[in-house]
């Protein structure tokens, strides 16, 4: 891989998932791989799992890590040919080259404005860094994709359920504010690549972008979706039609143990953080179906597999 932006940068997804299994069984077996190498992590928005898991992955490979909170710095100029007389103090072209002179790999986490879908879907920050950087870029979540999370999700599903045919459900759930579509978009991308047709379940008016839902099945009833489901992945997202707007809660879409009981003893998955008793009820989140903590732990395994690949 030159960069890790999406699933389409991965040459062999099944081989990568297999490598995740190997790393989990022997996390320190490749510790010399990153010796005397530096990972620079740029966070344009806050993180808990992504920051800690990626740092842990780097340390397991013997790498050193520097983290920068970019929200506290000056703004970067993204447009070529700009006359920089206003609030931007540095062009991304210069910043990317300077950071590249220090780092062996750069991880980037950005967040959409949730104001203008067309602009957000251009993924300007990470695309500019990939354009101007001279070292590999890792997408730690962009405005529209979260491939590290999706590799984790696929690995967790395979770890728990194997390679057998599964009914996988991606269910919308309520949230007190509008959220990005990155996790959902990316999950659908990865499932499509491994030939898993996902049943997408959301209220009418909360649809995702058709470029990501194409090839999957969309329903507007949780009862229909959950019937005989083997995996239920829960996530809130803002509607593509009313992008970034906060719509009514649809409280009856909260995931409960009663709803999980209608499944085929399904795995309950969520990328975390999760708002208890709003998105998922306590009885569901603390049930034997829930694998959210193990799923979060697998984030370090997925990150290590990607860093190891890029170091090669």
C-alpha atoms as a PDB file:
ATOM      1  CA  UNK A   1       0.000   0.000   0.000  1.00  0.00           C
ATOM      2  CA  UNK A   2       1.129   3.534  -0.754  1.00  0.00           C
ATOM      3  CA  UNK A   3      -1.553   5.035   1.521  1.00  0.00           C
ATOM      4  CA  UNK A   4      -4.462   3.639   3.527  1.00  0.00           C
ATOM      5  CA  UNK A   5      -7.456   5.792   2.663  1.00  0.00           C
ATOM      6  CA  UNK A   6     -10.133   3.176   1.934  1.00  0.00           C
ATOM      7  CA  UNK A   7     -10.658  -0.537   1.400  1.00  0.00           C
ATOM      8  CA  UNK A   8      -9.651  -0.036  -2.232  1.00  0.00           C
ATOM      9  CA  UNK A   9      -6.052   0.553  -1.137  1.00  0.00           C
ATOM     10  CA  UNK A  10      -5.897  -3.017   0.190  1.00  0.00           C
ATOM     11  CA  UNK A  11      -4.618  -5.587  -2.282  1.00  0.00           C
ATOM     12  CA  UNK A  12      -6.108  -8.621  -0.509  1.00  0.00           C
ATOM     13  CA  UNK A  13      -8.695  -7.986   2.215  1.00  0.00           C
ATOM     14  CA  UNK A  14      -8.947 -11.624   3.282  1.00  0.00           C
ATOM     15  CA  UNK A  15      -5.181 -11.864   3.691  1.00  0.00           C
ATOM     16  CA  UNK A  16      -5.235  -8.680   5.782  1.00  0.00           C
ATOM     17  CA  UNK A  17      -7.929 -10.106   8.067  1.00  0.00           C
ATOM     18  CA  UNK A  18      -5.892 -13.303   8.406  1.00  0.00           C
ATOM     19  CA  UNK A  19      -2.904 -11.179   9.405  1.00  0.00           C
ATOM     20  CA  UNK A  20      -5.073  -9.532  12.097  1.00  0.00           C
ATOM     21  CA  UNK A  21      -5.696 -12.979  13.587  1.00  0.00           C
ATOM     22  CA  UNK A  22      -1.949 -13.676  13.612  1.00  0.00           C
ATOM     23  CA  UNK A  23      -1.147 -10.340  15.252  1.00  0.00           C
ATOM     24  CA  UNK A  24      -3.755 -10.896  17.963  1.00  0.00           C
ATOM     25  CA  UNK A  25      -2.107 -14.211  18.812  1.00  0.00           C
ATOM     26  CA  UNK A  26       1.404 -12.673  18.788  1.00  0.00           C
ATOM     27  CA  UNK A  27       1.248  -8.850  19.049  1.00  0.00           C
ATOM     28  CA  UNK A  28       4.989  -8.409  19.666  1.00  0.00           C
ATOM     29  CA  UNK A  29       6.256 -10.815  17.050  1.00  0.00           C
ATOM     30  CA  UNK A  30       7.234  -8.084  14.598  1.00  0.00           C
ATOM     31  CA  UNK A  31       8.681  -5.611  17.081  1.00  0.00           C
ATOM     32  CA  UNK A  32      11.806  -4.902  15.033  1.00  0.00           C
ATOM     33  CA  UNK A  33       9.733  -3.802  12.025  1.00  0.00           C
ATOM     34  CA  UNK A  34       9.265  -0.254  13.317  1.00  0.00           C
ATOM     35  CA  UNK A  35      12.576   0.216  15.088  1.00  0.00           C
ATOM     36  CA  UNK A  36      13.905   3.778  14.579  1.00  0.00           C
ATOM     37  CA  UNK A  37      10.689   4.712  12.727  1.00  0.00           C
ATOM     38  CA  UNK A  38       8.386   7.601  13.663  1.00  0.00           C
ATOM     39  CA  UNK A  39       4.596   7.765  13.405  1.00  0.00           C
ATOM     40  CA  UNK A  40       3.093  11.288  13.484  1.00  0.00           C
ATOM     41  CA  UNK A  41      -0.610  11.455  14.340  1.00  0.00           C
ATOM     42  CA  UNK A  42      -2.562  14.592  13.395  1.00  0.00           C
ATOM     43  CA  UNK A  43      -5.912  15.024  15.134  1.00  0.00           C
ATOM     44  CA  UNK A  44      -8.211  17.707  13.744  1.00  0.00           C
ATOM     45  CA  UNK A  45     -10.943  16.460  16.121  1.00  0.00           C
ATOM     46  CA  UNK A  46     -10.874  14.579  19.449  1.00  0.00           C
ATOM     47  CA  UNK A  47     -10.360  10.856  19.789  1.00  0.00           C
ATOM     48  CA  UNK A  48     -10.154   8.165  22.440  1.00  0.00           C
ATOM     49  CA  UNK A  49     -10.034   4.706  20.775  1.00  0.00           C
ATOM     50  CA  UNK A  50      -8.361   5.874  17.568  1.00  0.00           C
ATOM     51  CA  UNK A  51      -5.557   7.700  19.336  1.00  0.00           C
ATOM     52  CA  UNK A  52      -4.833   5.078  21.987  1.00  0.00           C
ATOM     53  CA  UNK A  53      -5.216   2.051  19.721  1.00  0.00           C
ATOM     54  CA  UNK A  54      -3.028   3.503  16.963  1.00  0.00           C
ATOM     55  CA  UNK A  55      -0.335   4.483  19.450  1.00  0.00           C
ATOM     56  CA  UNK A  56      -0.451   1.018  20.999  1.00  0.00           C
ATOM     57  CA  UNK A  57      -0.150  -0.554  17.549  1.00  0.00           C
ATOM     58  CA  UNK A  58       2.888   1.576  16.766  1.00  0.00           C
ATOM     59  CA  UNK A  59       4.554   0.699  20.083  1.00  0.00           C
ATOM     60  CA  UNK A  60       3.942  -3.009  19.435  1.00  0.00           C
ATOM     61  CA  UNK A  61       5.942  -2.570  16.222  1.00  0.00           C
ATOM     62  CA  UNK A  62       8.751  -0.712  18.004  1.00  0.00           C
ATOM     63  CA  UNK A  63       7.849   2.698  16.535  1.00  0.00           C
ATOM     64  CA  UNK A  64       8.035   6.080  18.249  1.00  0.00           C
ATOM     65  CA  UNK A  65       4.916   8.283  18.150  1.00  0.00           C
ATOM     66  CA  UNK A  66       4.228  12.023  18.145  1.00  0.00           C
ATOM     67  CA  UNK A  67       0.620  13.255  18.470  1.00  0.00           C
ATOM     68  CA  UNK A  68      -0.516  16.744  17.521  1.00  0.00           C
ATOM     69  CA  UNK A  69      -3.865  18.311  18.318  1.00  0.00           C
ATOM     70  CA  UNK A  70      -4.364  20.345  15.158  1.00  0.00           C
ATOM     71  CA  UNK A  71      -7.503  22.037  16.486  1.00  0.00           C
ATOM     72  CA  UNK A  72      -5.231  24.153  18.685  1.00  0.00           C
ATOM     73  CA  UNK A  73      -3.008  25.256  15.792  1.00  0.00           C
ATOM     74  CA  UNK A  74      -3.452  27.663  12.939  1.00  0.00           C
ATOM     75  CA  UNK A  75      -5.605  26.928   9.920  1.00  0.00           C
ATOM     76  CA  UNK A  76      -4.133  25.424   6.774  1.00  0.00           C
ATOM     77  CA  UNK A  77      -4.817  26.714   3.294  1.00  0.00           C
ATOM     78  CA  UNK A  78      -6.111  23.939   1.029  1.00  0.00           C
ATOM     79  CA  UNK A  79      -6.524  25.661  -2.339  1.00  0.00           C
ATOM     80  CA  UNK A  80      -3.679  25.864  -4.859  1.00  0.00           C
ATOM     81  CA  UNK A  81      -2.822  29.354  -6.058  1.00  0.00           C
ATOM     82  CA  UNK A  82      -4.394  31.057  -3.049  1.00  0.00           C
ATOM     83  CA  UNK A  83      -3.340  34.554  -2.015  1.00  0.00           C
ATOM     84  CA  UNK A  84      -2.999  33.955   1.698  1.00  0.00           C
ATOM     85  CA  UNK A  85      -4.009  37.323   3.138  1.00  0.00           C
ATOM     86  CA  UNK A  86      -6.659  36.047   5.524  1.00  0.00           C
ATOM     87  CA  UNK A  87      -6.884  33.526   8.413  1.00  0.00           C
ATOM     88  CA  UNK A  88      -4.824  30.657   6.978  1.00  0.00           C
ATOM     89  CA  UNK A  89      -1.202  30.829   8.119  1.00  0.00           C
ATOM     90  CA  UNK A  90       0.304  27.865   6.271  1.00  0.00           C
ATOM     91  CA  UNK A  91      -0.401  26.000   3.054  1.00  0.00           C
ATOM     92  CA  UNK A  92      -1.020  22.259   3.351  1.00  0.00           C
ATOM     93  CA  UNK A  93       1.580  21.814   0.588  1.00  0.00           C
ATOM     94  CA  UNK A  94       4.286  23.144   2.890  1.00  0.00           C
ATOM     95  CA  UNK A  95       2.982  21.516   6.063  1.00  0.00           C
ATOM     96  CA  UNK A  96       2.758  18.070   4.446  1.00  0.00           C
ATOM     97  CA  UNK A  97       6.311  18.254   3.158  1.00  0.00           C
ATOM     98  CA  UNK A  98       7.699  19.418   6.482  1.00  0.00           C
ATOM     99  CA  UNK A  99       5.896  16.700   8.471  1.00  0.00           C
ATOM    100  CA  UNK A 100       7.044  14.146   5.894  1.00  0.00           C
ATOM    101  CA  UNK A 101      10.645  15.150   6.570  1.00  0.00           C
ATOM    102  CA  UNK A 102      10.157  14.096  10.206  1.00  0.00           C
ATOM    103  CA  UNK A 103       7.814  11.113   9.902  1.00  0.00           C
ATOM    104  CA  UNK A 104       7.903   7.668   8.341  1.00  0.00           C
ATOM    105  CA  UNK A 105       4.101   7.398   8.420  1.00  0.00           C
ATOM    106  CA  UNK A 106       1.454  10.082   9.038  1.00  0.00           C
ATOM    107  CA  UNK A 107      -1.959   9.301  10.542  1.00  0.00           C
ATOM    108  CA  UNK A 108      -4.752  11.834   9.979  1.00  0.00           C
ATOM    109  CA  UNK A 109      -8.153  12.203  11.660  1.00  0.00           C
ATOM    110  CA  UNK A 110     -10.555  14.849  10.402  1.00  0.00           C
ATOM    111  CA  UNK A 111     -14.243  15.598  10.802  1.00  0.00           C
ATOM    112  CA  UNK A 112     -16.908  16.928   8.419  1.00  0.00           C
ATOM    113  CA  UNK A 113     -18.451  20.351   8.876  1.00  0.00           C
ATOM    114  CA  UNK A 114     -21.895  18.756   8.403  1.00  0.00           C
ATOM    115  CA  UNK A 115     -22.911  21.959   6.662  1.00  0.00           C
ATOM    116  CA  UNK A 116     -22.142  21.299   2.999  1.00  0.00           C
ATOM    117  CA  UNK A 117     -22.234  17.716   1.741  1.00  0.00           C
ATOM    118  CA  UNK A 118     -20.513  18.498  -1.551  1.00  0.00           C
ATOM    119  CA  UNK A 119     -17.552  20.086   0.213  1.00  0.00           C
ATOM    120  CA  UNK A 120     -17.365  17.444   2.953  1.00  0.00           C
ATOM    121  CA  UNK A 121     -17.408  14.627   0.415  1.00  0.00           C
ATOM    122  CA  UNK A 122     -14.332  16.084  -1.277  1.00  0.00           C
ATOM    123  CA  UNK A 123     -12.370  15.058   1.835  1.00  0.00           C
ATOM    124  CA  UNK A 124     -10.033  17.987   1.266  1.00  0.00           C
ATOM    125  CA  UNK A 125      -7.687  17.653   4.245  1.00  0.00           C
ATOM    126  CA  UNK A 126      -6.708  14.040   3.834  1.00  0.00           C
ATOM    127  CA  UNK A 127      -6.631  14.198   0.032  1.00  0.00           C
ATOM    128  CA  UNK A 128      -4.319  17.211   0.162  1.00  0.00           C
ATOM    129  CA  UNK A 129      -2.015  15.434   2.594  1.00  0.00           C
ATOM    130  CA  UNK A 130      -1.909  12.362   0.365  1.00  0.00           C
ATOM    131  CA  UNK A 131      -1.116  14.609  -2.590  1.00  0.00           C
ATOM    132  CA  UNK A 132       1.795  16.453  -0.997  1.00  0.00           C
ATOM    133  CA  UNK A 133       3.170  14.002   1.566  1.00  0.00           C
ATOM    134  CA  UNK A 134       6.259  11.999   0.649  1.00  0.00           C
ATOM    135  CA  UNK A 135       5.457   9.272   3.220  1.00  0.00           C
ATOM    136  CA  UNK A 136       2.369   7.018   3.607  1.00  0.00           C
ATOM    137  CA  UNK A 137      -0.863   8.471   4.993  1.00  0.00           C
ATOM    138  CA  UNK A 138      -3.230   6.495   7.230  1.00  0.00           C
ATOM    139  CA  UNK A 139      -6.888   7.517   7.324  1.00  0.00           C
ATOM    140  CA  UNK A 140      -7.831   7.452  11.022  1.00  0.00           C
ATOM    141  CA  UNK A 141     -11.300   8.770  10.035  1.00  0.00           C
ATOM    142  CA  UNK A 142     -12.012  11.347   7.406  1.00  0.00           C
ATOM    143  CA  UNK A 143     -15.124  13.349   6.582  1.00  0.00           C
ATOM    144  CA  UNK A 144     -16.643  10.375   4.760  1.00  0.00           C
ATOM    145  CA  UNK A 145     -14.685   7.182   5.600  1.00  0.00           C
ATOM    146  CA  UNK A 146     -13.316   5.313   8.613  1.00  0.00           C
ATOM    147  CA  UNK A 147     -11.397   2.318   7.187  1.00  0.00           C
ATOM    148  CA  UNK A 148      -9.530   1.438  10.395  1.00  0.00           C
ATOM    149  CA  UNK A 149     -12.885   0.961  12.105  1.00  0.00           C
ATOM    150  CA  UNK A 150     -14.211  -1.100   9.206  1.00  0.00           C
ATOM    151  CA  UNK A 151     -11.208  -3.421   9.156  1.00  0.00           C
ATOM    152  CA  UNK A 152     -11.783  -3.874  12.886  1.00  0.00           C
ATOM    153  CA  UNK A 153     -15.451  -4.626  12.281  1.00  0.00           C
ATOM    154  CA  UNK A 154     -14.750  -7.218   9.583  1.00  0.00           C
ATOM    155  CA  UNK A 155     -12.052  -8.840  11.719  1.00  0.00           C
ATOM    156  CA  UNK A 156     -14.432  -8.997  14.714  1.00  0.00           C
ATOM    157  CA  UNK A 157     -17.202 -10.565  12.626  1.00  0.00           C
ATOM    158  CA  UNK A 158     -14.827 -13.168  11.166  1.00  0.00           C
ATOM    159  CA  UNK A 159     -13.335 -13.855  14.586  1.00  0.00           C
ATOM    160  CA  UNK A 160     -16.761 -14.502  16.116  1.00  0.00           C
ATOM    161  CA  UNK A 161     -18.690 -15.984  13.206  1.00  0.00           C
ATOM    162  CA  UNK A 162     -16.084 -17.325  10.788  1.00  0.00           C
ATOM    163  CA  UNK A 163     -16.454 -17.156   6.997  1.00  0.00           C
ATOM    164  CA  UNK A 164     -19.944 -18.655   6.796  1.00  0.00           C
ATOM    165  CA  UNK A 165     -22.817 -16.884   5.085  1.00  0.00           C
ATOM    166  CA  UNK A 166     -24.343 -14.307   7.413  1.00  0.00           C
ATOM    167  CA  UNK A 167     -27.230 -11.892   7.593  1.00  0.00           C
ATOM    168  CA  UNK A 168     -25.599  -8.599   8.584  1.00  0.00           C
ATOM    169  CA  UNK A 169     -27.768  -5.633   9.573  1.00  0.00           C
ATOM    170  CA  UNK A 170     -26.640  -2.005   9.770  1.00  0.00           C
ATOM    171  CA  UNK A 171     -29.263  -0.300  11.905  1.00  0.00           C
ATOM    172  CA  UNK A 172     -29.761   3.413  12.407  1.00  0.00           C
ATOM    173  CA  UNK A 173     -30.459   4.450  16.013  1.00  0.00           C
ATOM    174  CA  UNK A 174     -31.401   7.758  17.678  1.00  0.00           C
ATOM    175  CA  UNK A 175     -28.835  10.308  18.838  1.00  0.00           C
ATOM    176  CA  UNK A 176     -29.208  13.788  20.377  1.00  0.00           C
ATOM    177  CA  UNK A 177     -27.218  15.446  17.603  1.00  0.00           C
ATOM    178  CA  UNK A 178     -26.469  15.001  13.913  1.00  0.00           C
ATOM    179  CA  UNK A 179     -23.511  12.699  13.268  1.00  0.00           C
ATOM    180  CA  UNK A 180     -21.285  11.990  10.236  1.00  0.00           C
ATOM    181  CA  UNK A 181     -21.746   9.098   7.840  1.00  0.00           C
ATOM    182  CA  UNK A 182     -18.107   7.946   7.790  1.00  0.00           C
ATOM    183  CA  UNK A 183     -18.438   4.752   9.855  1.00  0.00           C
ATOM    184  CA  UNK A 184     -21.556   3.608   7.996  1.00  0.00           C
ATOM    185  CA  UNK A 185     -20.176   4.484   4.555  1.00  0.00           C
ATOM    186  CA  UNK A 186     -16.945   2.660   5.219  1.00  0.00           C
ATOM    187  CA  UNK A 187     -18.641  -0.412   6.701  1.00  0.00           C
ATOM    188  CA  UNK A 188     -20.776  -0.785   3.576  1.00  0.00           C
ATOM    189  CA  UNK A 189     -17.681  -0.451   1.357  1.00  0.00           C
ATOM    190  CA  UNK A 190     -15.792  -3.195   3.177  1.00  0.00           C
ATOM    191  CA  UNK A 191     -18.785  -5.551   3.300  1.00  0.00           C
ATOM    192  CA  UNK A 192     -19.292  -5.142  -0.427  1.00  0.00           C
ATOM    193  CA  UNK A 193     -15.661  -6.014  -1.169  1.00  0.00           C
ATOM    194  CA  UNK A 194     -15.982  -9.298   0.782  1.00  0.00           C
ATOM    195  CA  UNK A 195     -19.357 -10.040  -0.857  1.00  0.00           C
ATOM    196  CA  UNK A 196     -21.544  -9.582   2.206  1.00  0.00           C
ATOM    197  CA  UNK A 197     -24.865  -8.013   1.311  1.00  0.00           C
ATOM    198  CA  UNK A 198     -25.914  -5.791   4.217  1.00  0.00           C
ATOM    199  CA  UNK A 199     -29.491  -5.089   5.212  1.00  0.00           C
ATOM    200  CA  UNK A 200     -29.544  -1.350   5.939  1.00  0.00           C
ATOM    201  CA  UNK A 201     -32.283  -0.418   8.352  1.00  0.00           C
ATOM    202  CA  UNK A 202     -33.310   3.193   8.929  1.00  0.00           C
ATOM    203  CA  UNK A 203     -36.431   5.346   9.213  1.00  0.00           C
ATOM    204  CA  UNK A 204     -37.684   6.947   6.011  1.00  0.00           C
ATOM    205  CA  UNK A 205     -35.789  10.165   5.410  1.00  0.00           C
ATOM    206  CA  UNK A 206     -32.530   8.973   6.992  1.00  0.00           C
ATOM    207  CA  UNK A 207     -30.986   7.333   3.935  1.00  0.00           C
ATOM    208  CA  UNK A 208     -27.247   7.188   3.288  1.00  0.00           C
ATOM    209  CA  UNK A 209     -25.554   8.219   0.046  1.00  0.00           C
ATOM    210  CA  UNK A 210     -26.557   5.872  -2.828  1.00  0.00           C
ATOM    211  CA  UNK A 211     -22.915   5.517  -3.887  1.00  0.00           C
ATOM    212  CA  UNK A 212     -22.361   3.545  -0.659  1.00  0.00           C
ATOM    213  CA  UNK A 213     -25.710   1.759  -0.337  1.00  0.00           C
ATOM    214  CA  UNK A 214     -25.673   0.419  -3.917  1.00  0.00           C
ATOM    215  CA  UNK A 215     -25.681  -3.367  -3.897  1.00  0.00           C
ATOM    216  CA  UNK A 216     -27.091  -3.550  -0.374  1.00  0.00           C
ATOM    217  CA  UNK A 217     -30.707  -3.957   0.769  1.00  0.00           C
ATOM    218  CA  UNK A 218     -32.560  -1.050   2.406  1.00  0.00           C
ATOM    219  CA  UNK A 219     -35.602  -1.524   4.667  1.00  0.00           C
ATOM    220  CA  UNK A 220     -37.453   0.846   6.954  1.00  0.00           C
ATOM    221  CA  UNK A 221     -38.552  -1.689   9.577  1.00  0.00           C
ATOM    222  CA  UNK A 222     -36.344  -2.999  12.380  1.00  0.00           C
ATOM    223  CA  UNK A 223     -38.648  -5.996  12.856  1.00  0.00           C
ATOM    224  CA  UNK A 224     -38.073  -7.009   9.254  1.00  0.00           C
ATOM    225  CA  UNK A 225     -34.334  -6.355   9.378  1.00  0.00           C
ATOM    226  CA  UNK A 226     -33.665  -8.093  12.704  1.00  0.00           C
ATOM    227  CA  UNK A 227     -35.501 -11.296  11.808  1.00  0.00           C
ATOM    228  CA  UNK A 228     -32.856 -14.085  11.669  1.00  0.00           C
ATOM    229  CA  UNK A 229     -29.998 -11.532  11.733  1.00  0.00           C
ATOM    230  CA  UNK A 230     -26.555 -12.880  12.683  1.00  0.00           C
ATOM    231  CA  UNK A 231     -24.920  -9.469  13.193  1.00  0.00           C
ATOM    232  CA  UNK A 232     -26.532  -6.157  14.189  1.00  0.00           C
ATOM    233  CA  UNK A 233     -24.240  -3.164  13.740  1.00  0.00           C
ATOM    234  CA  UNK A 234     -25.732  -0.048  15.346  1.00  0.00           C
ATOM    235  CA  UNK A 235     -24.861   3.488  14.260  1.00  0.00           C
ATOM    236  CA  UNK A 236     -26.515   6.868  14.011  1.00  0.00           C
ATOM    237  CA  UNK A 237     -26.011   8.978  10.892  1.00  0.00           C
ATOM    238  CA  UNK A 238     -27.437  12.180   9.491  1.00  0.00           C
ATOM    239  CA  UNK A 239     -29.591  11.939   6.385  1.00  0.00           C
ATOM    240  CA  UNK A 240     -28.042  12.473   2.975  1.00  0.00           C
ATOM    241  CA  UNK A 241     -31.211  14.336   1.968  1.00  0.00           C
ATOM    242  CA  UNK A 242     -31.154  16.824   4.855  1.00  0.00           C
ATOM    243  CA  UNK A 243     -27.402  16.744   5.319  1.00  0.00           C
ATOM    244  CA  UNK A 244     -26.190  17.695   8.786  1.00  0.00           C
ATOM    245  CA  UNK A 245     -29.634  18.672  10.019  1.00  0.00           C
ATOM    246  CA  UNK A 246     -30.900  17.303  13.305  1.00  0.00           C
ATOM    247  CA  UNK A 247     -34.156  15.462  12.702  1.00  0.00           C
ATOM    248  CA  UNK A 248     -36.646  14.114  15.293  1.00  0.00           C
ATOM    249  CA  UNK A 249     -35.284  11.349  17.502  1.00  0.00           C
ATOM    250  CA  UNK A 250     -37.466   8.429  16.378  1.00  0.00           C
ATOM    251  CA  UNK A 251     -37.095   7.112  19.939  1.00  0.00           C
ATOM    252  CA  UNK A 252     -38.674   3.759  19.117  1.00  0.00           C
ATOM    253  CA  UNK A 253     -35.564   2.945  17.050  1.00  0.00           C
ATOM    254  CA  UNK A 254     -33.358   2.540  20.138  1.00  0.00           C
ATOM    255  CA  UNK A 255     -31.797  -0.941  20.216  1.00  0.00           C
ATOM    256  CA  UNK A 256     -33.107  -3.090  23.083  1.00  0.00           C
ATOM    257  CA  UNK A 257     -32.632  -6.661  24.292  1.00  0.00           C
ATOM    258  CA  UNK A 258     -36.201  -7.385  23.271  1.00  0.00           C
ATOM    259  CA  UNK A 259     -35.303  -6.524  19.668  1.00  0.00           C
ATOM    260  CA  UNK A 260     -32.117  -8.608  19.796  1.00  0.00           C
ATOM    261  CA  UNK A 261     -34.164 -11.583  20.985  1.00  0.00           C
ATOM    262  CA  UNK A 262     -35.831 -11.604  17.548  1.00  0.00           C
ATOM    263  CA  UNK A 263     -32.466 -12.209  15.850  1.00  0.00           C
ATOM    264  CA  UNK A 264     -30.459 -15.378  15.328  1.00  0.00           C
ATOM    265  CA  UNK A 265     -28.553 -14.702  18.578  1.00  0.00           C
ATOM    266  CA  UNK A 266     -26.886 -11.833  16.737  1.00  0.00           C
ATOM    267  CA  UNK A 267     -23.644 -10.118  17.637  1.00  0.00           C
ATOM    268  CA  UNK A 268     -24.367  -6.568  18.814  1.00  0.00           C
ATOM    269  CA  UNK A 269     -21.733  -4.172  17.469  1.00  0.00           C
ATOM    270  CA  UNK A 270     -21.120  -0.437  17.806  1.00  0.00           C
ATOM    271  CA  UNK A 271     -17.982   1.609  17.119  1.00  0.00           C
ATOM    272  CA  UNK A 272     -18.241   3.548  20.428  1.00  0.00           C
ATOM    273  CA  UNK A 273     -18.675   5.982  22.083  1.00  0.00           C
ATOM    274  CA  UNK A 274     -22.298   5.057  22.617  1.00  0.00           C
ATOM    275  CA  UNK A 275     -25.011   6.950  24.481  1.00  0.00           C
ATOM    276  CA  UNK A 276     -26.629   4.428  26.784  1.00  0.00           C
ATOM    277  CA  UNK A 277     -30.421   4.281  26.823  1.00  0.00           C
ATOM    278  CA  UNK A 278     -30.582   6.591  23.823  1.00  0.00           C
ATOM    279  CA  UNK A 279     -28.794   4.624  21.094  1.00  0.00           C
ATOM    280  CA  UNK A 280     -28.679   1.245  22.839  1.00  0.00           C
ATOM    281  CA  UNK A 281     -30.402   0.247  26.079  1.00  0.00           C
ATOM    282  CA  UNK A 282     -28.414  -1.027  29.057  1.00  0.00           C
ATOM    283  CA  UNK A 283     -29.987  -4.471  28.841  1.00  0.00           C
ATOM    284  CA  UNK A 284     -28.777  -4.867  25.260  1.00  0.00           C
ATOM    285  CA  UNK A 285     -25.364  -3.269  25.680  1.00  0.00           C
ATOM    286  CA  UNK A 286     -24.560  -5.372  28.763  1.00  0.00           C
ATOM    287  CA  UNK A 287     -25.981  -8.589  27.314  1.00  0.00           C
ATOM    288  CA  UNK A 288     -24.053 -11.630  26.096  1.00  0.00           C
ATOM    289  CA  UNK A 289     -24.830 -10.517  22.523  1.00  0.00           C
ATOM    290  CA  UNK A 290     -22.718  -7.394  22.915  1.00  0.00           C
ATOM    291  CA  UNK A 291     -19.125  -7.504  21.631  1.00  0.00           C
ATOM    292  CA  UNK A 292     -18.525  -3.753  21.675  1.00  0.00           C
ATOM    293  CA  UNK A 293     -15.635  -3.861  24.163  1.00  0.00           C
ATOM    294  CA  UNK A 294     -13.819  -6.640  22.329  1.00  0.00           C
ATOM    295  CA  UNK A 295     -14.559  -4.806  19.081  1.00  0.00           C
ATOM    296  CA  UNK A 296     -12.895  -1.694  20.525  1.00  0.00           C
ATOM    297  CA  UNK A 297      -9.914  -3.763  21.638  1.00  0.00           C
ATOM    298  CA  UNK A 298      -9.519  -5.054  18.103  1.00  0.00           C
ATOM    299  CA  UNK A 299      -8.903  -1.492  16.917  1.00  0.00           C
ATOM    300  CA  UNK A 300      -5.253  -1.842  17.996  1.00  0.00           C
ATOM    301  CA  UNK A 301      -4.942  -5.100  16.050  1.00  0.00           C
ATOM    302  CA  UNK A 302      -6.320  -3.539  12.862  1.00  0.00           C
ATOM    303  CA  UNK A 303      -4.072  -0.495  13.195  1.00  0.00           C
ATOM    304  CA  UNK A 304      -1.033  -2.702  13.714  1.00  0.00           C
ATOM    305  CA  UNK A 305      -1.826  -4.704  10.576  1.00  0.00           C
ATOM    306  CA  UNK A 306      -2.027  -1.493   8.525  1.00  0.00           C
ATOM    307  CA  UNK A 307       1.125   0.111   9.976  1.00  0.00           C
ATOM    308  CA  UNK A 308       3.042  -3.116   9.453  1.00  0.00           C
ATOM    309  CA  UNK A 309       1.925  -3.230   5.835  1.00  0.00           C
ATOM    310  CA  UNK A 310       2.927   0.389   5.191  1.00  0.00           C
ATOM    311  CA  UNK A 311       6.337  -0.106   6.828  1.00  0.00           C
ATOM    312  CA  UNK A 312       7.041  -2.826   4.296  1.00  0.00           C
END
